[in-house]
PDB file of N, CA and C in Angstrom:
ATOM      1  N   UNK A   1       3.215 -66.011  16.513  1.00  0.00           N
ATOM      2  CA  UNK A   1       3.803 -64.853  15.659  1.00  0.00           C
ATOM      3  C   UNK A   1       4.182 -63.828  16.400  1.00  0.00           C
ATOM      4  N   UNK A   2       5.548 -63.323  16.348  1.00  0.00           N
ATOM      5  CA  UNK A   2       5.948 -62.187  17.194  1.00  0.00           C
ATOM      6  C   UNK A   2       5.042 -60.973  16.750  1.00  0.00           C
ATOM      7  N   UNK A   3       5.121 -59.838  17.662  1.00  0.00           N
ATOM      8  CA  UNK A   3       4.294 -58.585  17.428  1.00  0.00           C
ATOM      9  C   UNK A   3       5.443 -57.762  16.916  1.00  0.00           C
ATOM     10  N   UNK A   4       5.151 -56.933  15.825  1.00  0.00           N
ATOM     11  CA  UNK A   4       6.239 -56.004  15.246  1.00  0.00           C
ATOM     12  C   UNK A   4       6.497 -55.029  16.384  1.00  0.00           C
ATOM     13  N   UNK A   5       5.606 -54.719  17.329  1.00  0.00           N
ATOM     14  CA  UNK A   5       6.232 -53.724  18.437  1.00  0.00           C
ATOM     15  C   UNK A   5       7.492 -54.319  19.162  1.00  0.00           C
ATOM     16  N   UNK A   6       7.695 -55.550  19.150  1.00  0.00           N
ATOM     17  CA  UNK A   6       8.573 -55.988  19.921  1.00  0.00           C
ATOM     18  C   UNK A   6      10.055 -55.492  19.356  1.00  0.00           C
ATOM     19  N   UNK A   7      10.105 -55.215  18.160  1.00  0.00           N
ATOM     20  CA  UNK A   7      11.385 -54.598  17.693  1.00  0.00           C
ATOM     21  C   UNK A   7      11.348 -53.233  17.668  1.00  0.00           C
ATOM     22  N   UNK A   8      10.579 -52.541  17.968  1.00  0.00           N
ATOM     23  CA  UNK A   8      10.385 -51.066  17.690  1.00  0.00           C
ATOM     24  C   UNK A   8      11.728 -50.401  18.804  1.00  0.00           C
ATOM     25  N   UNK A   9      12.208 -49.619  18.467  1.00  0.00           N
ATOM     26  CA  UNK A   9      13.392 -48.895  19.077  1.00  0.00           C
ATOM     27  C   UNK A   9      13.143 -47.380  19.143  1.00  0.00           C
ATOM     28  N   UNK A  10      13.447 -46.715  20.203  1.00  0.00           N
ATOM     29  CA  UNK A  10      13.464 -45.157  20.082  1.00  0.00           C
ATOM     30  C   UNK A  10      14.242 -44.578  18.945  1.00  0.00           C
ATOM     31  N   UNK A  11      13.817 -43.802  18.213  1.00  0.00           N
ATOM     32  CA  UNK A  11      14.572 -42.935  17.376  1.00  0.00           C
ATOM     33  C   UNK A  11      15.684 -42.223  18.144  1.00  0.00           C
ATOM     34  N   UNK A  12      16.980 -41.905  17.614  1.00  0.00           N
ATOM     35  CA  UNK A  12      17.900 -41.213  17.941  1.00  0.00           C
ATOM     36  C   UNK A  12      18.240 -40.139  16.979  1.00  0.00           C
ATOM     37  N   UNK A  13      18.592 -38.925  17.181  1.00  0.00           N
ATOM     38  CA  UNK A  13      18.604 -38.556  18.690  1.00  0.00           C
ATOM     39  C   UNK A  13      16.954 -38.065  19.115  1.00  0.00           C
ATOM     40  N   UNK A  14      16.726 -38.026  20.316  1.00  0.00           N
ATOM     41  CA  UNK A  14      15.508 -37.712  20.605  1.00  0.00           C
ATOM     42  C   UNK A  14      15.171 -36.419  20.468  1.00  0.00           C
ATOM     43  N   UNK A  15      13.933 -35.888  21.062  1.00  0.00           N
ATOM     44  CA  UNK A  15      13.517 -34.473  21.010  1.00  0.00           C
ATOM     45  C   UNK A  15      14.306 -33.592  21.765  1.00  0.00           C
ATOM     46  N   UNK A  16      14.323 -33.892  23.401  1.00  0.00           N
ATOM     47  CA  UNK A  16      15.132 -33.096  24.057  1.00  0.00           C
ATOM     48  C   UNK A  16      16.755 -32.994  23.583  1.00  0.00           C
ATOM     49  N   UNK A  17      17.311 -33.908  23.354  1.00  0.00           N
ATOM     50  CA  UNK A  17      18.658 -33.859  22.908  1.00  0.00           C
ATOM     51  C   UNK A  17      18.770 -32.968  21.633  1.00  0.00           C
ATOM     52  N   UNK A  18      17.994 -32.954  20.801  1.00  0.00           N
ATOM     53  CA  UNK A  18      18.104 -32.137  19.736  1.00  0.00           C
ATOM     54  C   UNK A  18      17.706 -30.700  19.939  1.00  0.00           C
ATOM     55  N   UNK A  19      16.559 -30.565  20.843  1.00  0.00           N
ATOM     56  CA  UNK A  19      16.572 -29.231  21.175  1.00  0.00           C
ATOM     57  C   UNK A  19      17.726 -28.818  21.953  1.00  0.00           C
ATOM     58  N   UNK A  20      18.154 -29.085  22.983  1.00  0.00           N
ATOM     59  CA  UNK A  20      19.500 -28.788  23.702  1.00  0.00           C
ATOM     60  C   UNK A  20      20.599 -28.488  22.614  1.00  0.00           C
ATOM     61  N   UNK A  21      20.914 -29.408  21.868  1.00  0.00           N
ATOM     62  CA  UNK A  21      21.847 -29.103  20.724  1.00  0.00           C
ATOM     63  C   UNK A  21      21.720 -27.815  20.004  1.00  0.00           C
ATOM     64  N   UNK A  22      20.508 -27.770  19.689  1.00  0.00           N
ATOM     65  CA  UNK A  22      20.162 -26.414  18.919  1.00  0.00           C
ATOM     66  C   UNK A  22      19.989 -25.144  19.874  1.00  0.00           C
ATOM     67  N   UNK A  23      19.815 -25.325  21.170  1.00  0.00           N
ATOM     68  CA  UNK A  23      19.937 -24.049  21.813  1.00  0.00           C
ATOM     69  C   UNK A  23      21.480 -23.724  22.020  1.00  0.00           C
ATOM     70  N   UNK A  24      22.307 -24.617  22.321  1.00  0.00           N
ATOM     71  CA  UNK A  24      23.802 -24.480  22.461  1.00  0.00           C
ATOM     72  C   UNK A  24      24.393 -23.933  21.299  1.00  0.00           C
ATOM     73  N   UNK A  25      23.877 -24.327  19.986  1.00  0.00           N
ATOM     74  CA  UNK A  25      24.587 -23.547  18.683  1.00  0.00           C
ATOM     75  C   UNK A  25      23.979 -22.083  18.709  1.00  0.00           C
ATOM     76  N   UNK A  26      22.808 -21.746  19.021  1.00  0.00           N
ATOM     77  CA  UNK A  26      22.171 -20.493  18.927  1.00  0.00           C
ATOM     78  C   UNK A  26      22.882 -19.326  19.699  1.00  0.00           C
ATOM     79  N   UNK A  27      23.096 -18.296  18.962  1.00  0.00           N
ATOM     80  CA  UNK A  27      23.590 -17.150  19.693  1.00  0.00           C
ATOM     81  C   UNK A  27      22.674 -15.905  20.020  1.00  0.00           C
ATOM     82  N   UNK A  28      21.208 -16.558  19.993  1.00  0.00           N
ATOM     83  CA  UNK A  28      20.303 -15.551  20.480  1.00  0.00           C
ATOM     84  C   UNK A  28      19.967 -15.692  21.908  1.00  0.00           C
ATOM     85  N   UNK A  29      20.247 -14.504  22.755  1.00  0.00           N
ATOM     86  CA  UNK A  29      19.656 -14.567  24.110  1.00  0.00           C
ATOM     87  C   UNK A  29      18.285 -14.671  24.292  1.00  0.00           C
ATOM     88  N   UNK A  30      18.054 -15.771  25.249  1.00  0.00           N
ATOM     89  CA  UNK A  30      16.791 -15.961  25.605  1.00  0.00           C
ATOM     90  C   UNK A  30      15.952 -14.789  26.573  1.00  0.00           C
ATOM     91  N   UNK A  31      16.712 -14.166  27.237  1.00  0.00           N
ATOM     92  CA  UNK A  31      16.335 -12.959  27.846  1.00  0.00           C
ATOM     93  C   UNK A  31      16.037 -11.935  27.016  1.00  0.00           C
ATOM     94  N   UNK A  32      16.875 -11.931  26.057  1.00  0.00           N
ATOM     95  CA  UNK A  32      16.445 -10.473  25.056  1.00  0.00           C
ATOM     96  C   UNK A  32      15.210 -10.736  24.074  1.00  0.00           C
ATOM     97  N   UNK A  33      15.024 -12.199  23.764  1.00  0.00           N
ATOM     98  CA  UNK A  33      14.048 -12.710  23.064  1.00  0.00           C
ATOM     99  C   UNK A  33      12.921 -12.415  23.820  1.00  0.00           C
ATOM    100  N   UNK A  34      12.798 -13.014  24.968  1.00  0.00           N
ATOM    101  CA  UNK A  34      11.838 -12.732  25.761  1.00  0.00           C
ATOM    102  C   UNK A  34      11.160 -11.291  26.095  1.00  0.00           C
ATOM    103  N   UNK A  35      12.134 -10.292  26.240  1.00  0.00           N
ATOM    104  CA  UNK A  35      11.983  -8.908  26.283  1.00  0.00           C
ATOM    105  C   UNK A  35      11.064  -8.147  24.844  1.00  0.00           C
ATOM    106  N   UNK A  36      11.618  -8.857  23.987  1.00  0.00           N
ATOM    107  CA  UNK A  36      11.208  -8.135  22.517  1.00  0.00           C
ATOM    108  C   UNK A  36       9.925  -8.848  22.407  1.00  0.00           C
ATOM    109  N   UNK A  37       9.774  -9.956  22.792  1.00  0.00           N
ATOM    110  CA  UNK A  37       8.141 -10.673  22.278  1.00  0.00           C
ATOM    111  C   UNK A  37       7.213 -10.269  23.351  1.00  0.00           C
ATOM    112  N   UNK A  38       7.644 -10.039  24.580  1.00  0.00           N
ATOM    113  CA  UNK A  38       6.552  -9.978  25.526  1.00  0.00           C
ATOM    114  C   UNK A  38       6.646  -8.595  26.175  1.00  0.00           C
ATOM    115  N   UNK A  39       7.396  -7.924  26.270  1.00  0.00           N
ATOM    116  CA  UNK A  39       7.634  -6.386  26.932  1.00  0.00           C
ATOM    117  C   UNK A  39       6.891  -5.474  26.388  1.00  0.00           C
ATOM    118  N   UNK A  40       6.731  -5.374  25.012  1.00  0.00           N
ATOM    119  CA  UNK A  40       5.998  -4.484  24.432  1.00  0.00           C
ATOM    120  C   UNK A  40       4.640  -4.020  24.867  1.00  0.00           C
ATOM    121  N   UNK A  41       3.921  -5.142  25.470  1.00  0.00           N
ATOM    122  CA  UNK A  41       2.667  -4.486  25.623  1.00  0.00           C
ATOM    123  C   UNK A  41       2.273  -4.485  27.219  1.00  0.00           C
ATOM    124  N   UNK A  42       3.574  -4.799  27.883  1.00  0.00           N
ATOM    125  CA  UNK A  42       3.515  -4.745  29.417  1.00  0.00           C
ATOM    126  C   UNK A  42       3.117  -6.180  30.069  1.00  0.00           C
ATOM    127  N   UNK A  43       3.348  -7.129  29.356  1.00  0.00           N
ATOM    128  CA  UNK A  43       3.122  -8.528  29.790  1.00  0.00           C
ATOM    129  C   UNK A  43       3.857  -8.894  31.080  1.00  0.00           C
ATOM    130  N   UNK A  44       5.066  -8.825  30.603  1.00  0.00           N
ATOM    131  CA  UNK A  44       5.953  -9.040  31.666  1.00  0.00           C
ATOM    132  C   UNK A  44       6.001  -8.183  33.114  1.00  0.00           C
ATOM    133  N   UNK A  45       5.993  -6.907  32.967  1.00  0.00           N
ATOM    134  CA  UNK A  45       5.661  -6.164  33.937  1.00  0.00           C
ATOM    135  C   UNK A  45       4.318  -6.704  35.000  1.00  0.00           C
ATOM    136  N   UNK A  46       3.401  -6.880  34.239  1.00  0.00           N
ATOM    137  CA  UNK A  46       2.139  -7.429  34.831  1.00  0.00           C
ATOM    138  C   UNK A  46       2.119  -8.628  35.639  1.00  0.00           C
ATOM    139  N   UNK A  47       3.078  -9.743  34.637  1.00  0.00           N
ATOM    140  CA  UNK A  47       3.161 -10.752  35.385  1.00  0.00           C
ATOM    141  C   UNK A  47       4.097 -10.929  36.739  1.00  0.00           C
ATOM    142  N   UNK A  48       4.968  -9.925  36.782  1.00  0.00           N
ATOM    143  CA  UNK A  48       6.098  -9.743  37.842  1.00  0.00           C
ATOM    144  C   UNK A  48       5.267  -9.375  39.011  1.00  0.00           C
ATOM    145  N   UNK A  49       4.270  -8.566  38.818  1.00  0.00           N
ATOM    146  CA  UNK A  49       3.311  -7.826  39.633  1.00  0.00           C
ATOM    147  C   UNK A  49       2.318  -8.827  40.407  1.00  0.00           C
ATOM    148  N   UNK A  50       1.885  -9.607  39.607  1.00  0.00           N
ATOM    149  CA  UNK A  50       0.832 -10.551  39.939  1.00  0.00           C
ATOM    150  C   UNK A  50       1.330 -11.862  40.543  1.00  0.00           C
ATOM    151  N   UNK A  51       2.260 -12.157  40.113  1.00  0.00           N
ATOM    152  CA  UNK A  51       2.864 -13.676  40.407  1.00  0.00           C
ATOM    153  C   UNK A  51       3.214 -13.482  41.929  1.00  0.00           C
ATOM    154  N   UNK A  52       3.567 -12.802  42.453  1.00  0.00           N
ATOM    155  CA  UNK A  52       3.988 -12.960  44.143  1.00  0.00           C
ATOM    156  C   UNK A  52       2.700 -12.841  44.798  1.00  0.00           C
ATOM    157  N   UNK A  53       1.578 -11.969  44.297  1.00  0.00           N
ATOM    158  CA  UNK A  53       0.362 -12.077  45.059  1.00  0.00           C
ATOM    159  C   UNK A  53      -0.258 -13.456  44.839  1.00  0.00           C
ATOM    160  N   UNK A  54      -0.320 -14.089  44.007  1.00  0.00           N
ATOM    161  CA  UNK A  54      -0.897 -15.343  43.716  1.00  0.00           C
ATOM    162  C   UNK A  54      -0.240 -16.299  44.170  1.00  0.00           C
ATOM    163  N   UNK A  55       1.144 -16.390  44.679  1.00  0.00           N
ATOM    164  CA  UNK A  55       1.833 -17.505  45.147  1.00  0.00           C
ATOM    165  C   UNK A  55       1.556 -17.298  46.877  1.00  0.00           C
ATOM    166  N   UNK A  56       0.959 -16.212  47.187  1.00  0.00           N
ATOM    167  CA  UNK A  56       0.442 -15.996  48.548  1.00  0.00           C
ATOM    168  C   UNK A  56      -0.573 -16.508  48.962  1.00  0.00           C
ATOM    169  N   UNK A  57      -1.637 -16.527  47.980  1.00  0.00           N
ATOM    170  CA  UNK A  57      -2.836 -16.783  47.977  1.00  0.00           C
ATOM    171  C   UNK A  57      -2.932 -18.433  48.006  1.00  0.00           C
ATOM    172  N   UNK A  58      -3.448 -18.985  49.127  1.00  0.00           N
ATOM    173  CA  UNK A  58      -3.918 -20.462  49.403  1.00  0.00           C
ATOM    174  C   UNK A  58      -4.806 -21.120  48.348  1.00  0.00           C
ATOM    175  N   UNK A  59      -5.537 -20.372  47.804  1.00  0.00           N
ATOM    176  CA  UNK A  59      -6.450 -20.854  46.829  1.00  0.00           C
ATOM    177  C   UNK A  59      -5.805 -21.385  45.484  1.00  0.00           C
ATOM    178  N   UNK A  60      -4.393 -20.633  45.262  1.00  0.00           N
ATOM    179  CA  UNK A  60      -3.946 -20.904  44.300  1.00  0.00           C
ATOM    180  C   UNK A  60      -2.680 -21.997  44.176  1.00  0.00           C
ATOM    181  N   UNK A  61      -2.524 -22.486  45.264  1.00  0.00           N
ATOM    182  CA  UNK A  61      -1.470 -23.599  45.627  1.00  0.00           C
ATOM    183  C   UNK A  61      -2.048 -24.762  44.849  1.00  0.00           C
ATOM    184  N   UNK A  62      -0.944 -25.563  44.434  1.00  0.00           N
ATOM    185  CA  UNK A  62      -1.409 -26.720  43.521  1.00  0.00           C
ATOM    186  C   UNK A  62      -0.663 -27.970  44.366  1.00  0.00           C
ATOM    187  N   UNK A  63      -0.203 -28.089  45.271  1.00  0.00           N
ATOM    188  CA  UNK A  63       0.505 -29.173  45.848  1.00  0.00           C
ATOM    189  C   UNK A  63      -0.965 -30.330  46.027  1.00  0.00           C
ATOM    190  N   UNK A  64      -1.924 -29.897  46.432  1.00  0.00           N
ATOM    191  CA  UNK A  64      -3.014 -31.050  46.569  1.00  0.00           C
ATOM    192  C   UNK A  64      -3.871 -31.164  45.579  1.00  0.00           C
ATOM    193  N   UNK A  65      -3.771 -30.404  44.593  1.00  0.00           N
ATOM    194  CA  UNK A  65      -4.635 -30.421  43.413  1.00  0.00           C
ATOM    195  C   UNK A  65      -4.833 -31.710  42.711  1.00  0.00           C
ATOM    196  N   UNK A  66      -3.675 -32.549  42.823  1.00  0.00           N
ATOM    197  CA  UNK A  66      -3.709 -33.696  41.734  1.00  0.00           C
ATOM    198  C   UNK A  66      -4.622 -34.810  42.575  1.00  0.00           C
ATOM    199  N   UNK A  67      -4.845 -34.627  44.033  1.00  0.00           N
ATOM    200  CA  UNK A  67      -5.611 -35.713  44.691  1.00  0.00           C
ATOM    201  C   UNK A  67      -7.171 -35.362  44.435  1.00  0.00           C
ATOM    202  N   UNK A  68      -7.464 -34.362  43.966  1.00  0.00           N
ATOM    203  CA  UNK A  68      -9.146 -33.703  44.110  1.00  0.00           C
ATOM    204  C   UNK A  68      -9.655 -34.480  43.007  1.00  0.00           C
ATOM    205  N   UNK A  69     -11.066 -34.836  43.375  1.00  0.00           N
ATOM    206  CA  UNK A  69     -11.852 -35.537  42.045  1.00  0.00           C
ATOM    207  C   UNK A  69     -12.193 -34.513  41.027  1.00  0.00           C
ATOM    208  N   UNK A  70     -12.587 -35.029  40.130  1.00  0.00           N
ATOM    209  CA  UNK A  70     -13.075 -33.982  38.930  1.00  0.00           C
ATOM    210  C   UNK A  70     -14.158 -33.273  39.561  1.00  0.00           C
ATOM    211  N   UNK A  71     -15.077 -33.309  40.280  1.00  0.00           N
ATOM    212  CA  UNK A  71     -15.943 -32.342  40.643  1.00  0.00           C
ATOM    213  C   UNK A  71     -15.198 -31.258  41.662  1.00  0.00           C
ATOM    214  N   UNK A  72     -14.296 -31.750  42.363  1.00  0.00           N
ATOM    215  CA  UNK A  72     -13.664 -30.786  43.302  1.00  0.00           C
ATOM    216  C   UNK A  72     -12.592 -29.926  42.538  1.00  0.00           C
ATOM    217  N   UNK A  73     -12.170 -30.568  41.400  1.00  0.00           N
ATOM    218  CA  UNK A  73     -11.194 -29.606  40.649  1.00  0.00           C
ATOM    219  C   UNK A  73     -12.056 -28.714  40.095  1.00  0.00           C
ATOM    220  N   UNK A  74     -13.413 -28.984  39.493  1.00  0.00           N
ATOM    221  CA  UNK A  74     -14.312 -27.895  39.003  1.00  0.00           C
ATOM    222  C   UNK A  74     -14.510 -27.048  39.816  1.00  0.00           C
ATOM    223  N   UNK A  75     -14.838 -27.287  41.143  1.00  0.00           N
ATOM    224  CA  UNK A  75     -15.193 -26.176  42.125  1.00  0.00           C
ATOM    225  C   UNK A  75     -13.924 -25.394  42.390  1.00  0.00           C
ATOM    226  N   UNK A  76     -12.906 -25.773  42.664  1.00  0.00           N
ATOM    227  CA  UNK A  76     -11.619 -24.859  42.585  1.00  0.00           C
ATOM    228  C   UNK A  76     -11.499 -24.154  41.568  1.00  0.00           C
ATOM    229  N   UNK A  77     -11.536 -24.594  40.139  1.00  0.00           N
ATOM    230  CA  UNK A  77     -11.448 -23.684  39.092  1.00  0.00           C
ATOM    231  C   UNK A  77     -12.563 -22.569  39.350  1.00  0.00           C
ATOM    232  N   UNK A  78     -13.764 -22.806  39.537  1.00  0.00           N
ATOM    233  CA  UNK A  78     -14.608 -21.882  39.751  1.00  0.00           C
ATOM    234  C   UNK A  78     -14.252 -21.046  40.822  1.00  0.00           C
ATOM    235  N   UNK A  79     -13.633 -21.118  42.033  1.00  0.00           N
ATOM    236  CA  UNK A  79     -13.327 -20.390  43.102  1.00  0.00           C
ATOM    237  C   UNK A  79     -12.169 -19.495  42.579  1.00  0.00           C
ATOM    238  N   UNK A  80     -11.237 -20.068  41.653  1.00  0.00           N
ATOM    239  CA  UNK A  80     -10.110 -19.349  41.124  1.00  0.00           C
ATOM    240  C   UNK A  80     -10.686 -18.273  40.388  1.00  0.00           C
ATOM    241  N   UNK A  81     -11.530 -18.623  39.402  1.00  0.00           N
ATOM    242  CA  UNK A  81     -12.098 -17.864  38.333  1.00  0.00           C
ATOM    243  C   UNK A  81     -12.684 -16.369  39.324  1.00  0.00           C
ATOM    244  N   UNK A  82     -13.505 -16.656  40.142  1.00  0.00           N
ATOM    245  CA  UNK A  82     -14.195 -15.716  41.061  1.00  0.00           C
ATOM    246  C   UNK A  82     -13.144 -14.838  41.834  1.00  0.00           C
ATOM    247  N   UNK A  83     -11.999 -15.453  42.052  1.00  0.00           N
ATOM    248  CA  UNK A  83     -11.125 -14.816  42.915  1.00  0.00           C
ATOM    249  C   UNK A  83     -10.454 -13.660  41.904  1.00  0.00           C
ATOM    250  N   UNK A  84     -10.305 -14.077  40.656  1.00  0.00           N
ATOM    251  CA  UNK A  84      -9.783 -13.234  39.632  1.00  0.00           C
ATOM    252  C   UNK A  84     -10.428 -12.502  38.850  1.00  0.00           C
ATOM    253  N   UNK A  85     -11.905 -12.579  39.160  1.00  0.00           N
ATOM    254  CA  UNK A  85     -12.708 -11.702  38.353  1.00  0.00           C
ATOM    255  C   UNK A  85     -12.716 -10.247  38.871  1.00  0.00           C
ATOM    256  N   UNK A  86     -12.776  -9.122  38.271  1.00  0.00           N
ATOM    257  CA  UNK A  86     -12.846  -7.957  38.621  1.00  0.00           C
ATOM    258  C   UNK A  86     -14.142  -7.720  39.422  1.00  0.00           C
ATOM    259  N   UNK A  87     -13.787  -6.643  40.470  1.00  0.00           N
ATOM    260  CA  UNK A  87     -14.826  -6.512  41.426  1.00  0.00           C
ATOM    261  C   UNK A  87     -16.105  -5.751  40.551  1.00  0.00           C
ATOM    262  N   UNK A  88     -17.250  -6.035  41.031  1.00  0.00           N
ATOM    263  CA  UNK A  88     -18.517  -5.312  40.329  1.00  0.00           C
ATOM    264  C   UNK A  88     -19.534  -6.218  39.683  1.00  0.00           C
TER     265      UNK A  88
END
């Protein structure tokens, strides 16, 4: 007896295609929308100041993170949290 999953096909259009089409039809600037939603409380400014610092810190590099064991990832998370904690 054949399995019903043998006849399943992906629905069309898929999610990314639909999203791309909707974005093309929109006249809303994503840059302006981001400024409107995030700039009022200073989030974008804080992020632009903090990001270069974090990118230079070896503790926050993610290139070898996938190969870590669960205990090592936990320890890395603790070390990152300690680095981000306010002094005192």
